[in-house]
Amino acid sequence: QVQLVESGGGLVQAGGSLRLSCAASGPTFSQYVMAWFRQAPGKEREFVAAITWSGGRTYYADSVKGRFTISRDNAKNTVLLQMNSLKPEDTAVYYCAAAASIYSSRYFLRDKYDYWGQGTQVTVSS
């Protein structure tokens, strides 16, 4: 069982930056693929970024590529999402997710993830 708790959300102006953090419990954190998803009002939850168990490979949605960076620290059971050059369309609730077994071609599919956090609100004003 893995429990995930996100933090770091808030209100920021367009062009600004935020860093989201996801703290995970459980001794097997390093065995999970970790990802960030987001959900804007009235929209489906969408993939943002994922990182392999070792941190060796990262994957991004086209909409955030070059602006967001996902990273992890297995010693601290933490995964981070550094968000730069934020846009109003980045406004959403951001969720951390963990998958025990998933092919890289499936990283963007939310139903492949086993555990989810409660989410943290990110609001970008224009």
N, C-alpha and C. Protein backbone atom coordinates (compact mmCIF):
# COMPACT_ATOMS: atom_id res chain seq x y z
N GLN A 1 0.85 -1.18 0.00
CA GLN A 1 0.00 0.00 0.00
C GLN A 1 0.89 1.24 0.00
N VAL A 2 0.57 2.18 -0.85
CA VAL A 2 1.30 3.44 -0.94
C VAL A 2 0.33 4.58 -0.72
N GLN A 3 0.69 5.50 0.14
CA GLN A 3 -0.10 6.70 0.34
C GLN A 3 0.67 7.89 -0.20
N LEU A 4 -0.04 8.75 -0.91
CA LEU A 4 0.60 9.89 -1.58
C LEU A 4 -0.03 11.19 -1.09
N VAL A 5 0.81 12.16 -0.77
CA VAL A 5 0.32 13.45 -0.31
C VAL A 5 1.03 14.55 -1.08
N GLU A 6 0.25 15.33 -1.83
CA GLU A 6 0.80 16.42 -2.62
C GLU A 6 0.83 17.72 -1.82
N SER A 7 1.74 18.59 -2.19
CA SER A 7 1.82 19.93 -1.60
C SER A 7 2.51 20.85 -2.59
N GLY A 8 2.42 22.16 -2.31
CA GLY A 8 3.13 23.13 -3.13
C GLY A 8 2.28 23.91 -4.09
N GLY A 9 0.98 23.59 -4.17
CA GLY A 9 0.12 24.33 -5.06
C GLY A 9 -0.12 25.75 -4.54
N GLY A 10 -0.76 26.55 -5.39
CA GLY A 10 -1.06 27.92 -4.98
C GLY A 10 -1.45 28.77 -6.16
N LEU A 11 -1.46 30.08 -5.92
CA LEU A 11 -1.81 31.07 -6.93
C LEU A 11 -0.54 31.75 -7.41
N VAL A 12 -0.37 31.82 -8.73
CA VAL A 12 0.81 32.43 -9.31
C VAL A 12 0.41 33.17 -10.57
N GLN A 13 1.14 34.22 -10.91
CA GLN A 13 0.88 34.94 -12.13
C GLN A 13 1.45 34.21 -13.33
N ALA A 14 0.88 34.46 -14.48
CA ALA A 14 1.39 33.87 -15.71
C ALA A 14 2.87 34.22 -15.88
N GLY A 15 3.64 33.22 -16.29
CA GLY A 15 5.07 33.39 -16.42
C GLY A 15 5.85 33.00 -15.18
N GLY A 16 5.14 32.79 -14.09
CA GLY A 16 5.79 32.42 -12.83
C GLY A 16 6.08 30.94 -12.73
N SER A 17 6.55 30.55 -11.55
CA SER A 17 6.94 29.16 -11.30
C SER A 17 6.35 28.64 -10.01
N LEU A 18 6.17 27.35 -9.96
CA LEU A 18 5.78 26.64 -8.75
C LEU A 18 6.48 25.29 -8.74
N ARG A 19 6.69 24.77 -7.56
CA ARG A 19 7.23 23.42 -7.44
C ARG A 19 6.29 22.60 -6.59
N LEU A 20 5.76 21.55 -7.18
CA LEU A 20 4.89 20.62 -6.47
C LEU A 20 5.73 19.47 -5.91
N SER A 21 5.30 19.01 -4.76
CA SER A 21 5.96 17.89 -4.11
C SER A 21 4.95 16.81 -3.78
N CYS A 22 5.36 15.57 -3.92
CA CYS A 22 4.52 14.43 -3.57
C CYS A 22 5.32 13.55 -2.62
N ALA A 23 4.83 13.44 -1.40
CA ALA A 23 5.47 12.59 -0.40
C ALA A 23 4.77 11.25 -0.35
N ALA A 24 5.53 10.18 -0.46
CA ALA A 24 4.97 8.83 -0.49
C ALA A 24 5.36 8.05 0.74
N SER A 25 4.43 7.27 1.23
CA SER A 25 4.72 6.36 2.35
C SER A 25 4.90 4.96 1.80
N GLY A 26 5.54 4.10 2.57
CA GLY A 26 5.72 2.73 2.15
C GLY A 26 7.15 2.43 1.76
N PRO A 27 7.60 1.23 2.02
CA PRO A 27 9.00 0.86 1.80
C PRO A 27 9.36 0.57 0.35
N THR A 28 8.37 0.49 -0.52
CA THR A 28 8.65 0.07 -1.90
C THR A 28 8.50 1.21 -2.89
N PHE A 29 8.61 2.44 -2.42
CA PHE A 29 8.42 3.60 -3.29
C PHE A 29 9.32 3.52 -4.52
N SER A 30 10.53 3.08 -4.34
CA SER A 30 11.49 3.08 -5.44
C SER A 30 11.13 2.10 -6.55
N GLN A 31 10.15 1.23 -6.29
CA GLN A 31 9.74 0.25 -7.29
C GLN A 31 8.60 0.75 -8.18
N TYR A 32 8.09 1.95 -7.90
CA TYR A 32 6.93 2.46 -8.61
C TYR A 32 7.32 3.48 -9.67
N VAL A 33 6.64 3.41 -10.78
CA VAL A 33 6.64 4.52 -11.72
C VAL A 33 5.76 5.61 -11.11
N MET A 34 6.24 6.83 -11.13
CA MET A 34 5.49 7.95 -10.56
C MET A 34 5.10 8.93 -11.65
N ALA A 35 3.96 9.54 -11.46
CA ALA A 35 3.46 10.46 -12.48
C ALA A 35 2.68 11.60 -11.84
N TRP A 36 2.51 12.65 -12.64
CA TRP A 36 1.61 13.75 -12.30
C TRP A 36 0.53 13.84 -13.36
N PHE A 37 -0.68 13.99 -12.90
CA PHE A 37 -1.82 14.26 -13.76
C PHE A 37 -2.45 15.57 -13.29
N ARG A 38 -3.33 16.12 -14.10
CA ARG A 38 -4.05 17.32 -13.69
C ARG A 38 -5.46 17.28 -14.23
N GLN A 39 -6.34 17.98 -13.52
CA GLN A 39 -7.74 18.04 -13.93
C GLN A 39 -8.26 19.45 -13.75
N ALA A 40 -8.63 20.05 -14.86
CA ALA A 40 -9.23 21.38 -14.86
C ALA A 40 -10.74 21.24 -14.73
N PRO A 41 -11.43 22.28 -14.26
CA PRO A 41 -12.88 22.20 -14.11
C PRO A 41 -13.57 21.84 -15.42
N GLY A 42 -14.44 20.85 -15.35
CA GLY A 42 -15.19 20.44 -16.52
C GLY A 42 -14.43 19.60 -17.53
N LYS A 43 -13.20 19.24 -17.19
CA LYS A 43 -12.38 18.46 -18.11
C LYS A 43 -11.96 17.14 -17.46
N GLU A 44 -11.52 16.22 -18.29
CA GLU A 44 -11.04 14.94 -17.79
C GLU A 44 -9.62 15.10 -17.24
N ARG A 45 -9.29 14.20 -16.35
CA ARG A 45 -7.94 14.20 -15.80
C ARG A 45 -6.95 13.81 -16.90
N GLU A 46 -5.89 14.59 -17.03
CA GLU A 46 -4.96 14.36 -18.12
C GLU A 46 -3.52 14.18 -17.62
N PHE A 47 -2.78 13.43 -18.38
CA PHE A 47 -1.38 13.16 -18.07
C PHE A 47 -0.53 14.42 -18.21
N VAL A 48 0.40 14.59 -17.26
CA VAL A 48 1.33 15.70 -17.31
C VAL A 48 2.77 15.20 -17.50
N ALA A 49 3.20 14.31 -16.61
CA ALA A 49 4.58 13.83 -16.67
C ALA A 49 4.71 12.53 -15.90
N ALA A 50 5.72 11.73 -16.26
CA ALA A 50 5.99 10.49 -15.55
C ALA A 50 7.49 10.28 -15.46
N ILE A 51 7.90 9.48 -14.48
CA ILE A 51 9.32 9.19 -14.27
C ILE A 51 9.46 7.74 -13.87
N THR A 52 10.45 7.06 -14.44
CA THR A 52 10.67 5.66 -14.14
C THR A 52 11.17 5.46 -12.72
N TRP A 53 11.20 4.22 -12.27
CA TRP A 53 11.55 3.93 -10.88
C TRP A 53 12.94 4.42 -10.52
N SER A 54 13.85 4.38 -11.47
CA SER A 54 15.23 4.81 -11.20
C SER A 54 15.43 6.30 -11.42
N GLY A 55 14.44 6.92 -12.05
CA GLY A 55 14.59 8.33 -12.41
C GLY A 55 15.35 8.53 -13.71
N GLY A 56 15.69 7.41 -14.37
CA GLY A 56 16.51 7.51 -15.56
C GLY A 56 15.78 8.02 -16.79
N ARG A 57 14.48 7.85 -16.81
CA ARG A 57 13.70 8.30 -17.97
C ARG A 57 12.50 9.10 -17.51
N THR A 58 12.20 10.14 -18.25
CA THR A 58 11.05 10.97 -17.98
C THR A 58 10.23 11.15 -19.25
N TYR A 59 8.95 11.39 -19.04
CA TYR A 59 8.01 11.52 -20.14
C TYR A 59 7.11 12.71 -19.84
N TYR A 60 6.76 13.46 -20.90
CA TYR A 60 5.95 14.66 -20.70
C TYR A 60 4.85 14.77 -21.74
N ALA A 61 3.76 15.38 -21.33
CA ALA A 61 2.74 15.78 -22.29
C ALA A 61 3.31 16.90 -23.14
N ASP A 62 2.87 16.95 -24.38
CA ASP A 62 3.38 17.98 -25.29
C ASP A 62 3.11 19.38 -24.75
N SER A 63 2.01 19.54 -24.04
CA SER A 63 1.60 20.86 -23.56
C SER A 63 2.54 21.42 -22.49
N VAL A 64 3.32 20.56 -21.85
CA VAL A 64 4.21 21.04 -20.78
C VAL A 64 5.68 20.82 -21.08
N LYS A 65 5.97 20.16 -22.17
CA LYS A 65 7.36 19.84 -22.52
C LYS A 65 8.18 21.12 -22.64
N GLY A 66 9.33 21.13 -22.00
CA GLY A 66 10.19 22.30 -22.03
C GLY A 66 9.91 23.31 -20.93
N ARG A 67 8.78 23.16 -20.24
CA ARG A 67 8.42 24.07 -19.15
C ARG A 67 8.40 23.36 -17.79
N PHE A 68 8.00 22.10 -17.79
CA PHE A 68 7.89 21.33 -16.54
C PHE A 68 9.00 20.29 -16.47
N THR A 69 9.44 20.00 -15.25
CA THR A 69 10.45 18.97 -15.03
C THR A 69 10.04 18.08 -13.86
N ILE A 70 9.98 16.78 -14.11
CA ILE A 70 9.67 15.83 -13.06
C ILE A 70 10.98 15.20 -12.57
N SER A 71 11.05 14.98 -11.26
CA SER A 71 12.23 14.35 -10.68
C SER A 71 11.80 13.56 -9.45
N ARG A 72 12.68 12.71 -8.95
CA ARG A 72 12.35 11.94 -7.77
C ARG A 72 13.60 11.73 -6.93
N ASP A 73 13.36 11.54 -5.63
CA ASP A 73 14.42 11.23 -4.69
C ASP A 73 13.96 9.99 -3.93
N ASN A 74 14.47 8.83 -4.32
CA ASN A 74 14.00 7.59 -3.70
C ASN A 74 14.42 7.48 -2.23
N ALA A 75 15.49 8.14 -1.87
CA ALA A 75 15.91 8.11 -0.47
C ALA A 75 14.94 8.87 0.43
N LYS A 76 14.26 9.85 -0.15
CA LYS A 76 13.30 10.65 0.61
C LYS A 76 11.85 10.33 0.28
N ASN A 77 11.64 9.32 -0.57
CA ASN A 77 10.28 8.94 -0.98
C ASN A 77 9.50 10.16 -1.51
N THR A 78 10.12 10.91 -2.38
CA THR A 78 9.52 12.14 -2.86
C THR A 78 9.64 12.25 -4.38
N VAL A 79 8.60 12.78 -4.99
CA VAL A 79 8.65 13.11 -6.41
C VAL A 79 8.25 14.58 -6.55
N LEU A 80 8.95 15.29 -7.39
CA LEU A 80 8.75 16.72 -7.56
C LEU A 80 8.30 17.04 -8.98
N LEU A 81 7.59 18.14 -9.11
CA LEU A 81 7.23 18.68 -10.41
C LEU A 81 7.56 20.17 -10.40
N GLN A 82 8.64 20.54 -11.07
CA GLN A 82 9.01 21.94 -11.21
C GLN A 82 8.29 22.51 -12.42
N MET A 83 7.50 23.55 -12.18
CA MET A 83 6.70 24.13 -13.25
C MET A 83 7.15 25.57 -13.48
N ASN A 84 7.66 25.83 -14.67
CA ASN A 84 8.12 27.16 -15.04
C ASN A 84 7.28 27.71 -16.18
N SER A 85 7.38 29.00 -16.40
CA SER A 85 6.66 29.67 -17.50
C SER A 85 5.19 29.26 -17.49
N LEU A 86 4.58 29.34 -16.33
CA LEU A 86 3.20 28.90 -16.19
C LEU A 86 2.24 29.75 -16.99
N LYS A 87 1.19 29.10 -17.49
CA LYS A 87 0.17 29.74 -18.30
C LYS A 87 -1.18 29.58 -17.63
N PRO A 88 -2.14 30.46 -17.92
CA PRO A 88 -3.47 30.30 -17.33
C PRO A 88 -4.07 28.92 -17.62
N GLU A 89 -3.77 28.34 -18.76
CA GLU A 89 -4.31 27.02 -19.10
C GLU A 89 -3.68 25.90 -18.28
N ASP A 90 -2.68 26.19 -17.48
CA ASP A 90 -2.13 25.20 -16.56
C ASP A 90 -2.95 25.11 -15.27
N THR A 91 -3.91 25.98 -15.11
CA THR A 91 -4.76 25.97 -13.92
C THR A 91 -5.52 24.65 -13.82
N ALA A 92 -5.36 23.98 -12.70
CA ALA A 92 -5.98 22.67 -12.50
C ALA A 92 -5.65 22.16 -11.10
N VAL A 93 -6.32 21.09 -10.74
CA VAL A 93 -5.88 20.32 -9.57
C VAL A 93 -4.86 19.30 -10.06
N TYR A 94 -3.71 19.28 -9.42
CA TYR A 94 -2.62 18.39 -9.82
C TYR A 94 -2.56 17.20 -8.86
N TYR A 95 -2.50 16.00 -9.46
CA TYR A 95 -2.50 14.76 -8.70
C TYR A 95 -1.21 13.99 -8.93
N CYS A 96 -0.72 13.42 -7.87
CA CYS A 96 0.40 12.51 -7.92
C CYS A 96 -0.15 11.08 -8.01
N ALA A 97 0.52 10.22 -8.80
CA ALA A 97 0.04 8.85 -8.97
C ALA A 97 1.22 7.89 -9.00
N ALA A 98 0.95 6.65 -8.60
CA ALA A 98 1.99 5.62 -8.58
C ALA A 98 1.49 4.36 -9.26
N ALA A 99 2.36 3.74 -10.05
CA ALA A 99 2.02 2.52 -10.75
C ALA A 99 3.08 1.46 -10.45
N ALA A 100 2.61 0.27 -10.06
CA ALA A 100 3.54 -0.80 -9.72
C ALA A 100 4.10 -1.47 -10.97
N SER A 101 3.29 -1.59 -11.99
CA SER A 101 3.72 -2.27 -13.21
C SER A 101 3.01 -1.64 -14.38
N ILE A 102 3.79 -1.04 -15.27
CA ILE A 102 3.19 -0.30 -16.38
C ILE A 102 4.20 -0.18 -17.51
N TYR A 103 3.75 -0.38 -18.72
CA TYR A 103 4.62 -0.19 -19.88
C TYR A 103 4.76 1.30 -20.16
N SER A 104 5.89 1.67 -20.68
CA SER A 104 6.13 3.08 -20.96
C SER A 104 5.11 3.64 -21.95
N SER A 105 4.61 2.78 -22.83
CA SER A 105 3.62 3.24 -23.80
C SER A 105 2.27 3.52 -23.15
N ARG A 106 2.13 3.15 -21.88
CA ARG A 106 0.87 3.34 -21.17
C ARG A 106 0.96 4.42 -20.10
N TYR A 107 2.05 5.09 -19.97
CA TYR A 107 2.24 6.05 -18.89
C TYR A 107 1.18 7.15 -18.86
N PHE A 108 0.63 7.48 -20.01
CA PHE A 108 -0.32 8.57 -20.08
C PHE A 108 -1.75 8.14 -19.71
N LEU A 109 -1.96 6.86 -19.45
CA LEU A 109 -3.31 6.33 -19.17
C LEU A 109 -3.55 6.32 -17.67
N ARG A 110 -4.51 7.09 -17.21
CA ARG A 110 -4.74 7.22 -15.77
C ARG A 110 -5.22 5.93 -15.13
N ASP A 111 -5.89 5.05 -15.89
CA ASP A 111 -6.41 3.83 -15.26
C ASP A 111 -5.32 2.78 -15.04
N LYS A 112 -4.09 3.07 -15.46
CA LYS A 112 -2.99 2.15 -15.23
C LYS A 112 -2.29 2.40 -13.90
N TYR A 113 -2.70 3.43 -13.19
CA TYR A 113 -2.06 3.79 -11.94
C TYR A 113 -2.82 3.23 -10.76
N ASP A 114 -2.07 2.75 -9.77
CA ASP A 114 -2.66 2.03 -8.64
C ASP A 114 -3.02 2.95 -7.48
N TYR A 115 -2.27 4.00 -7.28
CA TYR A 115 -2.47 4.87 -6.12
C TYR A 115 -2.49 6.33 -6.56
N TRP A 116 -3.30 7.11 -5.84
CA TRP A 116 -3.45 8.53 -6.14
C TRP A 116 -3.42 9.34 -4.86
N GLY A 117 -2.91 10.56 -4.99
CA GLY A 117 -3.00 11.51 -3.89
C GLY A 117 -4.33 12.26 -3.96
N GLN A 118 -4.50 13.18 -3.02
CA GLN A 118 -5.75 13.91 -2.92
C GLN A 118 -5.78 15.15 -3.82
N GLY A 119 -4.63 15.53 -4.33
CA GLY A 119 -4.55 16.66 -5.25
C GLY A 119 -4.18 17.97 -4.59
N THR A 120 -3.59 18.86 -5.37
CA THR A 120 -3.26 20.20 -4.90
C THR A 120 -3.61 21.19 -6.01
N GLN A 121 -4.25 22.30 -5.61
CA GLN A 121 -4.76 23.26 -6.59
C GLN A 121 -3.64 24.18 -7.07
N VAL A 122 -3.56 24.34 -8.38
CA VAL A 122 -2.66 25.31 -9.00
C VAL A 122 -3.51 26.28 -9.81
N THR A 123 -3.39 27.56 -9.52
CA THR A 123 -4.14 28.58 -10.23
C THR A 123 -3.17 29.59 -10.81
N VAL A 124 -3.26 29.80 -12.12
CA VAL A 124 -2.38 30.73 -12.81
C VAL A 124 -3.23 31.89 -13.33
N SER A 125 -2.95 33.07 -12.85
CA SER A 125 -3.73 34.25 -13.26
C SER A 125 -3.06 34.93 -14.44
N SER A 126 -3.87 35.52 -15.28
CA SER A 126 -3.35 36.18 -16.49
C SER A 126 -3.01 37.63 -16.22
